[in-house]
Amino acid sequence: MRNELYIDSNIFLYSIIMDPRYGKPCAKIIEDIYAKRVKALISSIVLLEVANALRKYRVPNLSERVKGILSLPLRVAEVSIDDALRAIELSERLKLSPYDALHVAVMDREGVNRIVTADKDFDKVGWITRADPEQLQAQL
């Protein structure tokens, strides 16, 4: 097992909707979390992002889907007011969405510098290493 990885909401979303490109790689990442081959961290905002995206895709049983994420052996970091304020500053400075900046703020607070995501905007953050879901297995 390597260092803890921050898991972005799109990993859960793409595995649930079986995205044509990322569905299978993301499902494999979830399997690896379940089998404890990946030490995973999310923030509480990931749960809301997943629920909101699934609602847009009209996926039923949102509550059960989110509870399924929480049943995985992962660590959930709460989001604080300080995280939100830092995210606003990071959003402006790094030209990230406030939500992406919030993930960055939580990662920084938690001492995690690797994120698994298909979102290339995280490449703007110099101290973060982004692992694309399709390429993660080669990095483990």
Protein backbone atom coordinates (compact mmCIF):
# COMPACT_ATOMS: atom_id res chain seq x y z
CA MET A 1 0.00 0.00 0.00
CA ARG A 2 1.30 3.47 -0.88
CA ASN A 3 0.61 6.81 0.74
CA GLU A 4 -2.95 7.97 1.17
CA LEU A 5 -4.68 9.12 -2.02
CA TYR A 6 -7.40 11.75 -2.18
CA ILE A 7 -10.29 10.40 -4.24
CA ASP A 8 -12.20 13.00 -6.26
CA SER A 9 -15.95 12.77 -6.67
CA ASN A 10 -15.73 11.92 -10.38
CA ILE A 11 -14.21 8.53 -9.52
CA PHE A 12 -17.39 7.51 -7.69
CA LEU A 13 -19.65 9.15 -10.30
CA TYR A 14 -18.02 7.50 -13.31
CA SER A 15 -18.07 4.09 -11.67
CA ILE A 16 -21.78 4.39 -10.88
CA ILE A 17 -22.90 5.68 -14.29
CA MET A 18 -20.33 3.47 -16.07
CA ASP A 19 -18.91 6.32 -18.10
CA PRO A 20 -17.77 5.00 -21.50
CA ARG A 21 -14.17 6.10 -20.98
CA TYR A 22 -13.69 6.07 -17.22
CA GLY A 23 -16.34 3.68 -15.90
CA LYS A 24 -14.21 0.53 -15.75
CA PRO A 25 -11.00 2.17 -14.46
CA CYS A 26 -12.99 3.99 -11.77
CA ALA A 27 -14.81 0.80 -10.75
CA LYS A 28 -11.38 -0.86 -10.42
CA ILE A 29 -10.22 1.96 -8.14
CA ILE A 30 -13.29 1.43 -5.95
CA GLU A 31 -12.50 -2.30 -5.84
CA ASP A 32 -8.94 -1.47 -4.80
CA ILE A 33 -10.22 0.78 -2.01
CA TYR A 34 -12.58 -1.97 -0.85
CA ALA A 35 -9.73 -4.52 -0.88
CA LYS A 36 -7.51 -2.01 0.97
CA ARG A 37 -4.96 -1.94 -1.83
CA VAL A 38 -5.50 1.83 -1.95
CA LYS A 39 -5.49 3.92 1.22
CA ALA A 40 -8.15 6.51 0.41
CA LEU A 41 -9.20 9.89 1.73
CA ILE A 42 -12.24 11.93 0.73
CA SER A 43 -13.80 15.04 2.21
CA SER A 44 -17.43 15.42 3.19
CA ILE A 45 -17.94 17.68 0.15
CA VAL A 46 -17.21 14.71 -2.14
CA LEU A 47 -20.41 13.09 -0.89
CA LEU A 48 -22.47 16.14 -1.85
CA GLU A 49 -20.79 16.45 -5.24
CA VAL A 50 -21.54 12.81 -6.00
CA ALA A 51 -25.16 13.15 -4.87
CA ASN A 52 -25.64 16.30 -6.96
CA ALA A 53 -24.12 14.75 -10.09
CA LEU A 54 -26.16 11.56 -9.69
CA ARG A 55 -29.31 13.66 -9.30
CA LYS A 56 -28.51 15.37 -12.61
CA TYR A 57 -28.13 11.92 -14.23
CA ARG A 58 -31.45 10.89 -12.63
CA VAL A 59 -29.82 7.98 -10.81
CA PRO A 60 -32.27 6.65 -8.20
CA ASN A 61 -31.56 5.96 -4.52
CA LEU A 62 -29.09 8.78 -3.92
CA SER A 63 -29.02 8.16 -0.20
CA GLU A 64 -28.12 4.50 -0.68
CA ARG A 65 -25.40 5.40 -3.19
CA VAL A 66 -23.79 7.83 -0.75
CA LYS A 67 -24.07 5.34 2.10
CA GLY A 68 -22.34 2.84 -0.18
CA ILE A 69 -19.38 5.20 -0.49
CA LEU A 70 -19.28 5.58 3.27
CA SER A 71 -19.24 1.80 3.68
CA LEU A 72 -15.83 1.67 1.98
CA PRO A 73 -12.68 1.55 4.12
CA LEU A 74 -11.73 5.17 3.56
CA ARG A 75 -11.18 8.21 5.71
CA VAL A 76 -13.59 11.15 5.49
CA ALA A 77 -12.17 14.57 6.37
CA GLU A 78 -14.68 17.15 7.52
CA VAL A 79 -14.63 20.54 5.82
CA SER A 80 -14.03 23.50 8.15
CA ILE A 81 -14.70 27.22 7.86
CA ASP A 82 -10.93 27.71 7.56
CA ASP A 83 -10.90 25.26 4.63
CA ALA A 84 -13.68 27.22 2.92
CA LEU A 85 -11.89 30.55 3.38
CA ARG A 86 -8.62 29.08 2.14
CA ALA A 87 -10.46 27.58 -0.85
CA ILE A 88 -11.75 30.99 -1.88
CA GLU A 89 -8.20 32.37 -1.83
CA LEU A 90 -6.84 29.34 -3.72
CA SER A 91 -9.66 29.57 -6.25
CA GLU A 92 -8.74 33.13 -7.13
CA ARG A 93 -4.97 32.56 -7.12
CA LEU A 94 -4.91 29.25 -9.02
CA LYS A 95 -7.95 29.86 -11.27
CA LEU A 96 -9.74 26.77 -9.92
CA SER A 97 -13.42 26.30 -9.25
CA PRO A 98 -14.21 26.95 -5.58
CA TYR A 99 -15.11 23.28 -5.18
CA ASP A 100 -11.81 22.07 -6.63
CA ALA A 101 -10.00 24.62 -4.46
CA LEU A 102 -11.83 23.23 -1.43
CA HIS A 103 -10.47 19.77 -2.21
CA VAL A 104 -6.98 21.30 -2.47
CA ALA A 105 -7.39 23.07 0.89
CA VAL A 106 -8.47 19.84 2.59
CA MET A 107 -5.64 17.89 0.97
CA ASP A 108 -3.13 20.46 2.20
CA ARG A 109 -4.52 20.38 5.74
CA GLU A 110 -4.44 16.59 5.75
CA GLY A 111 -0.92 16.38 4.30
CA VAL A 112 -2.00 14.50 1.16
CA ASN A 113 -0.41 15.49 -2.15
CA ARG A 114 -1.80 12.88 -4.56
CA ILE A 115 -5.30 12.99 -6.05
CA VAL A 116 -7.06 10.45 -8.23
CA THR A 117 -9.24 12.33 -10.70
CA ALA A 118 -10.02 12.77 -14.36
CA ASP A 119 -10.15 16.54 -13.77
CA LYS A 120 -7.07 18.10 -15.37
CA ASP A 121 -7.65 21.40 -13.54
CA PHE A 122 -5.77 19.89 -10.60
CA ASP A 123 -2.64 19.96 -12.77
CA LYS A 124 -2.56 23.72 -12.05
CA VAL A 125 -1.59 23.01 -8.43
CA GLY A 126 2.18 22.62 -8.35
CA TRP A 127 2.44 20.56 -5.17
CA ILE A 128 -0.28 18.05 -6.17
CA THR A 129 0.32 14.97 -8.29
CA ARG A 130 -2.78 13.98 -10.25
CA ALA A 131 -3.30 10.33 -11.12
CA ASP A 132 -5.66 9.82 -14.05
CA PRO A 133 -8.01 6.87 -13.40
CA GLU A 134 -6.87 5.15 -16.61
CA GLN A 135 -3.23 5.32 -15.56
CA LEU A 136 -3.46 4.75 -11.80
CA GLN A 137 -2.81 1.00 -11.88
CA ALA A 138 0.63 1.58 -13.37
CA GLN A 139 1.44 3.94 -10.50
CA LEU A 140 0.42 1.56 -7.70
